Amino acid sequence: MSRGLVEQRIVESAAVLPVGTAVTGWAGLRWAGGFWFDGLATDGLTELPVTLAIGDSTINEQPGFEISEEHLRPYDLTFVDGLPITTSVRSVTYLMRHADTLREAVRALDLAAYSDLVSIAEVVAYHEYLAAWTGIPLCRKATGLGNENAWSPREVDLRLTWEVDAELPRPLTNHPVFDRWGRHIGTPDLLDEEAGMCIDYDGALHLAGRQRRRDRDREEAFRGVGLEYLMVMAGDERSRVASRMIAARQRAQHQAPSVRDWTTDLPAWWVPTFTVEQRRALSHAQRERFLRFRRTA
């Protein structure tokens, strides 16, 4: 669905809002600038309803939008381009609390952090206002699995397969790897620094000849410095991926940092953008330079 059509759906739904109420959930995050919130279910086809935070039942649900009767506090409201929406921390915690699965809740948090709408610390702080609210145990658990440096929904799912299904130690996400002379080897989707292993997700766009050759060269570069490498393909069955992850980690060299031919130490010239705080601190010019690749991740 094109960006303009999504925004039009949100505006049309918001037209019925009484004063002091707002759009929330995925639509609130989208309107605030959330890149990955396209208004579609995980199947990529089914349109999700816009959620209107009304606080009561004075408006009946209609095709295209649903009503949230949860209490709405004045400080949870804001305006963006004239449209009333809930604050991003309110919108994302609503999504997380009402998610169907833990993975869905984690995905909502990570993808809101992708666009620097919320930090994990902000969500944790907001939890104290939600002690008895619906879904708060799920929200807390998902927050504990959150990551501020995922670049796509598939990367979130890949990391959760590693952490939840394979029960392996938390990896670094999109962290650059360098050789001993400070040359950038590559930035894998996941990196197990302790084992010396990296994982990439290979979607449909990677099947073309030129990109496939780049992927091959990338794998050879990682293996050339002693890193075990695993590629996960679109459509791979999750339990099978978890088994492959465990096996690959067992094959990895588990070298001490002092003898590795690679490092995660950042050269002096590298500007870190791993956290929401770091990215928010960038100037506009720096964001254009350092974050340009993330927009199409």
Protein backbone atom coordinates (compact mmCIF):
# COMPACT_ATOMS: atom_id res chain seq x y z
CA MET A 1 0.00 0.00 0.00
CA SER A 2 1.41 3.41 -0.96
CA ARG A 3 2.26 5.91 1.73
CA GLY A 4 -0.39 8.37 0.55
CA LEU A 5 -3.17 5.80 0.80
CA VAL A 6 -2.20 4.87 4.35
CA GLU A 7 -2.21 8.51 5.46
CA GLN A 8 -5.58 9.02 3.79
CA ARG A 9 -7.05 6.13 5.77
CA ILE A 10 -5.78 7.69 8.99
CA VAL A 11 -7.16 11.14 8.16
CA GLU A 12 -10.58 9.77 7.21
CA SER A 13 -10.82 7.79 10.46
CA ALA A 14 -9.66 10.74 12.55
CA ALA A 15 -12.47 12.90 11.14
CA VAL A 16 -14.92 11.43 13.69
CA LEU A 17 -12.73 12.13 16.74
CA PRO A 18 -14.27 14.21 19.53
CA VAL A 19 -12.15 16.95 21.11
CA GLY A 20 -9.60 15.52 23.54
CA THR A 21 -9.27 12.15 21.80
CA ALA A 22 -6.72 10.84 19.33
CA VAL A 23 -5.45 8.24 16.88
CA THR A 24 -3.27 5.59 18.54
CA GLY A 25 -1.56 2.26 17.84
CA TRP A 26 0.07 1.62 14.47
CA ALA A 27 -1.66 4.63 12.89
CA GLY A 28 -0.37 6.99 15.57
CA LEU A 29 3.15 5.71 15.02
CA ARG A 30 2.79 5.98 11.26
CA TRP A 31 1.60 9.57 11.49
CA ALA A 32 4.51 10.38 13.81
CA GLY A 33 6.95 9.13 11.15
CA GLY A 34 7.18 5.39 11.75
CA PHE A 35 8.63 3.97 8.54
CA TRP A 36 7.55 0.34 8.99
CA PHE A 37 3.96 0.92 10.14
CA ASP A 38 2.10 0.41 6.87
CA GLY A 39 -1.32 -0.54 8.23
CA LEU A 40 -1.08 -4.12 7.04
CA ALA A 41 -1.15 -7.39 8.98
CA THR A 42 1.85 -9.71 8.94
CA ASP A 43 0.50 -11.39 5.79
CA GLY A 44 1.20 -8.12 3.95
CA LEU A 45 -2.33 -8.05 2.52
CA THR A 46 -4.94 -7.58 5.24
CA GLU A 47 -5.61 -3.96 6.21
CA LEU A 48 -5.54 -3.24 9.93
CA PRO A 49 -8.18 -0.90 11.34
CA VAL A 50 -7.11 2.52 12.56
CA THR A 51 -7.47 2.63 16.36
CA LEU A 52 -9.14 5.69 17.85
CA ALA A 53 -8.44 6.33 21.53
CA ILE A 54 -11.80 7.67 22.70
CA GLY A 55 -11.89 6.59 26.33
CA ASP A 56 -15.59 5.64 26.20
CA SER A 57 -18.21 4.24 23.84
CA THR A 58 -19.72 7.46 22.49
CA ILE A 59 -18.71 6.48 18.93
CA ASN A 60 -19.58 3.21 17.28
CA GLU A 61 -16.95 1.30 15.34
CA GLN A 62 -17.24 1.49 11.58
CA PRO A 63 -15.42 -0.23 8.71
CA GLY A 64 -11.84 1.04 8.72
CA PHE A 65 -11.50 1.97 12.38
CA GLU A 66 -11.92 0.52 15.86
CA ILE A 67 -12.46 2.17 19.24
CA SER A 68 -10.29 1.95 22.35
CA GLU A 69 -12.21 2.75 25.53
CA GLU A 70 -9.10 2.70 27.71
CA HIS A 71 -8.60 5.77 29.87
CA LEU A 72 -6.92 8.57 27.96
CA ARG A 73 -4.84 11.06 29.93
CA PRO A 74 -4.28 14.61 28.65
CA TYR A 75 -0.48 14.25 28.68
CA ASP A 76 -0.78 11.23 26.36
CA LEU A 77 -2.10 13.49 23.59
CA THR A 78 -0.13 15.45 21.01
CA PHE A 79 -0.65 17.00 17.59
CA VAL A 80 1.41 16.30 14.47
CA ASP A 81 0.57 18.30 11.35
CA GLY A 82 -2.75 19.20 12.92
CA LEU A 83 -3.84 15.62 13.60
CA PRO A 84 -4.41 14.49 17.22
CA ILE A 85 -2.42 11.34 18.02
CA THR A 86 -1.28 9.72 21.23
CA THR A 87 2.37 10.12 22.13
CA SER A 88 4.61 7.53 20.54
CA VAL A 89 5.28 5.78 23.86
CA ARG A 90 1.51 5.51 24.43
CA SER A 91 0.94 4.29 20.86
CA VAL A 92 3.64 1.63 20.95
CA THR A 93 2.71 0.31 24.38
CA TYR A 94 -0.90 0.05 23.18
CA LEU A 95 0.29 -2.10 20.28
CA MET A 96 2.48 -4.20 22.51
CA ARG A 97 -0.20 -4.78 25.15
CA HIS A 98 -2.77 -5.84 22.57
CA ALA A 99 -0.44 -7.92 20.41
CA ASP A 100 -1.49 -11.48 19.58
CA THR A 101 1.99 -12.88 20.24
CA LEU A 102 5.21 -12.00 22.01
CA ARG A 103 6.98 -11.69 18.65
CA GLU A 104 4.42 -9.22 17.43
CA ALA A 105 4.87 -7.13 20.57
CA VAL A 106 8.67 -7.09 20.24
CA ARG A 107 8.38 -6.21 16.57
CA ALA A 108 6.22 -3.17 17.40
CA LEU A 109 8.81 -1.86 19.86
CA ASP A 110 11.84 -2.49 17.65
CA LEU A 111 10.25 -0.88 14.60
CA ALA A 112 9.17 2.19 16.57
CA ALA A 113 12.77 2.47 17.80
CA TYR A 114 13.96 2.13 14.19
CA SER A 115 12.39 5.51 13.45
CA ASP A 116 13.62 6.90 16.80
CA LEU A 117 10.05 7.44 18.00
CA VAL A 118 10.71 5.72 21.33
CA SER A 119 13.64 4.34 23.27
CA ILE A 120 13.49 1.22 25.38
CA ALA A 121 14.22 3.34 28.45
CA GLU A 122 11.19 5.51 27.69
CA VAL A 123 8.95 2.46 27.37
CA VAL A 124 10.28 1.02 30.64
CA ALA A 125 9.61 4.32 32.41
CA TYR A 126 6.09 4.40 30.98
CA HIS A 127 5.32 0.96 32.41
CA GLU A 128 4.83 2.44 35.88
CA TYR A 129 1.69 4.19 34.62
CA LEU A 130 0.25 0.92 33.27
CA ALA A 131 0.50 -1.40 36.28
CA ALA A 132 -3.05 -2.78 36.08
CA TRP A 133 -3.73 -2.26 32.38
CA THR A 134 -4.65 -5.01 29.94
CA GLY A 135 -1.61 -6.76 28.47
CA ILE A 136 1.06 -5.17 30.66
CA PRO A 137 2.78 -8.52 31.46
CA LEU A 138 3.19 -9.14 27.72
CA CYS A 139 4.40 -5.58 27.23
CA ARG A 140 7.02 -5.94 29.95
CA LYS A 141 8.26 -9.26 28.60
CA ALA A 142 8.51 -7.88 25.07
CA THR A 143 10.38 -4.82 26.30
CA GLY A 144 12.98 -7.11 27.85
CA LEU A 145 13.57 -8.58 24.38
CA GLY A 146 13.58 -5.22 22.60
CA ASN A 147 16.45 -3.89 20.53
CA GLU A 148 16.97 -0.36 19.23
CA ASN A 149 19.10 -1.27 16.21
CA ALA A 150 16.96 -3.65 14.14
CA TRP A 151 16.65 -2.49 10.54
CA SER A 152 13.61 -4.45 9.36
CA PRO A 153 10.76 -6.67 10.59
CA ARG A 154 12.54 -9.75 9.25
CA GLU A 155 15.64 -8.91 11.26
CA VAL A 156 13.52 -8.73 14.41
CA ASP A 157 12.10 -12.17 13.66
CA LEU A 158 15.59 -13.51 12.93
CA ARG A 159 16.91 -12.27 16.26
CA LEU A 160 13.96 -13.74 18.15
CA THR A 161 14.53 -17.09 16.50
CA TRP A 162 18.10 -16.91 17.82
CA GLU A 163 17.17 -15.78 21.34
CA VAL A 164 13.80 -17.45 21.95
CA ASP A 165 13.76 -20.60 19.82
CA ALA A 166 17.45 -21.48 19.79
CA GLU A 167 17.90 -20.04 23.32
CA LEU A 168 21.28 -18.57 22.45
CA PRO A 169 22.96 -15.51 24.04
CA ARG A 170 21.78 -12.10 22.89
CA PRO A 171 23.65 -11.08 19.72
CA LEU A 172 24.76 -7.68 18.52
CA THR A 173 22.52 -6.29 15.79
CA ASN A 174 23.84 -4.45 12.73
CA HIS A 175 27.20 -3.91 14.38
CA PRO A 176 30.13 -3.29 12.01
CA VAL A 177 33.05 -5.70 11.95
CA PHE A 178 36.59 -4.52 11.18
CA ASP A 179 39.92 -6.15 10.52
CA ARG A 180 42.93 -5.45 12.72
CA TRP A 181 43.86 -2.43 10.59
CA GLY A 182 40.48 -0.78 11.07
CA ARG A 183 39.10 -1.62 7.64
CA HIS A 184 35.36 -2.25 7.55
CA ILE A 185 34.67 -5.87 6.59
CA GLY A 186 30.89 -5.69 6.79
CA THR A 187 27.86 -5.18 9.01
CA PRO A 188 25.97 -8.45 9.56
CA ASP A 189 22.36 -8.54 10.68
CA LEU A 190 23.36 -10.50 13.80
CA LEU A 191 26.76 -10.99 15.37
CA ASP A 192 27.63 -13.43 18.16
CA GLU A 193 30.84 -11.81 19.33
CA GLU A 194 31.68 -14.53 21.85
CA ALA A 195 31.43 -17.40 19.38
CA GLY A 196 32.72 -15.49 16.36
CA MET A 197 29.66 -15.96 14.18
CA CYS A 198 27.48 -13.74 12.03
CA ILE A 199 24.06 -14.22 10.43
CA ASP A 200 22.36 -12.47 7.54
CA TYR A 201 18.78 -12.63 6.33
CA ASP A 202 18.52 -13.12 2.57
CA GLY A 203 15.18 -11.93 1.23
CA ALA A 204 13.79 -12.10 -2.30
CA LEU A 205 15.67 -8.97 -3.36
CA HIS A 206 18.95 -10.80 -2.85
CA LEU A 207 18.25 -13.36 -5.58
CA ALA A 208 19.30 -11.14 -8.48
CA GLY A 209 22.69 -11.85 -10.04
CA ARG A 210 24.59 -8.71 -9.03
CA GLN A 211 23.27 -8.75 -5.46
CA ARG A 212 23.90 -12.48 -5.19
CA ARG A 213 27.55 -11.92 -6.13
CA ARG A 214 27.82 -9.21 -3.49
CA ASP A 215 26.39 -11.62 -0.92
CA ARG A 216 28.94 -14.23 -1.94
CA ASP A 217 31.79 -11.75 -1.61
CA ARG A 218 30.41 -10.64 1.75
CA GLU A 219 30.35 -14.21 3.05
CA GLU A 220 33.90 -14.82 1.85
CA ALA A 221 35.08 -11.64 3.59
CA PHE A 222 33.60 -12.72 6.92
CA ARG A 223 34.93 -16.25 6.62
CA GLY A 224 38.31 -14.88 5.58
CA VAL A 225 38.87 -13.40 9.03
CA GLY A 226 37.64 -16.51 10.86
CA LEU A 227 33.97 -15.71 11.40
CA GLU A 228 31.45 -18.53 11.04
CA TYR A 229 28.73 -17.40 8.65
CA LEU A 230 25.08 -18.39 8.33
CA MET A 231 22.60 -17.22 5.72
CA VAL A 232 18.88 -17.52 6.45
CA MET A 233 16.63 -17.48 3.40
CA ALA A 234 13.11 -16.11 3.04
CA GLY A 235 10.65 -18.91 3.69
CA ASP A 236 12.96 -21.02 5.87
CA GLU A 237 11.02 -22.87 8.57
CA ARG A 238 11.67 -21.38 12.01
CA SER A 239 12.50 -24.55 13.95
CA ARG A 240 14.89 -25.60 11.20
CA VAL A 241 16.57 -22.19 11.33
CA ALA A 242 16.99 -22.51 15.11
CA SER A 243 18.66 -25.90 14.67
CA ARG A 244 21.00 -24.48 12.02
CA MET A 245 21.89 -21.59 14.33
CA ILE A 246 22.83 -23.96 17.14
CA ALA A 247 24.93 -26.12 14.81
CA ALA A 248 26.70 -23.12 13.29
CA ARG A 249 27.52 -21.74 16.73
CA GLN A 250 29.07 -25.07 17.67
CA ARG A 251 31.26 -24.86 14.55
CA ALA A 252 32.39 -21.31 15.33
CA GLN A 253 35.95 -20.81 16.55
CA HIS A 254 35.18 -19.15 19.92
CA GLN A 255 38.54 -17.37 19.82
CA ALA A 256 39.82 -15.02 22.48
CA PRO A 257 39.74 -11.37 21.33
CA SER A 258 43.53 -11.18 21.45
CA VAL A 259 44.00 -13.74 18.68
CA ARG A 260 41.12 -12.80 16.36
CA ASP A 261 41.70 -11.30 12.92
CA TRP A 262 38.55 -9.23 13.38
CA THR A 263 37.21 -6.81 15.95
CA THR A 264 34.06 -4.91 16.86
CA ASP A 265 36.07 -2.00 18.29
CA LEU A 266 35.12 1.15 16.43
CA PRO A 267 37.84 3.20 14.69
CA ALA A 268 38.06 6.82 15.79
CA TRP A 269 36.40 7.97 12.54
CA TRP A 270 33.29 5.76 12.93
CA VAL A 271 30.16 7.51 14.27
CA PRO A 272 28.03 5.04 16.29
CA THR A 273 24.28 4.92 15.54
CA PHE A 274 23.33 1.82 17.52
CA THR A 275 20.86 3.43 19.94
CA VAL A 276 17.94 5.82 19.73
CA GLU A 277 19.87 8.28 21.90
CA GLN A 278 22.86 8.22 19.55
CA ARG A 279 20.70 8.73 16.47
CA ARG A 280 18.65 11.53 18.00
CA ALA A 281 21.90 13.36 18.74
CA LEU A 282 22.91 13.43 15.06
CA SER A 283 22.58 16.59 13.04
CA HIS A 284 20.35 16.60 9.96
CA ALA A 285 23.39 16.30 7.72
CA GLN A 286 24.73 13.39 9.76
CA ARG A 287 21.38 11.60 9.59
CA GLU A 288 21.37 11.98 5.82
CA ARG A 289 24.87 10.57 5.63
CA PHE A 290 24.90 7.82 8.24
CA LEU A 291 21.31 6.55 8.17
CA ARG A 292 20.55 6.61 4.46
CA PHE A 293 20.91 2.85 4.06
CA ARG A 294 18.40 2.13 6.83
CA ARG A 295 15.51 3.64 4.89
CA THR A 296 15.43 0.76 2.46
CA ALA A 297 16.69 -1.96 4.80
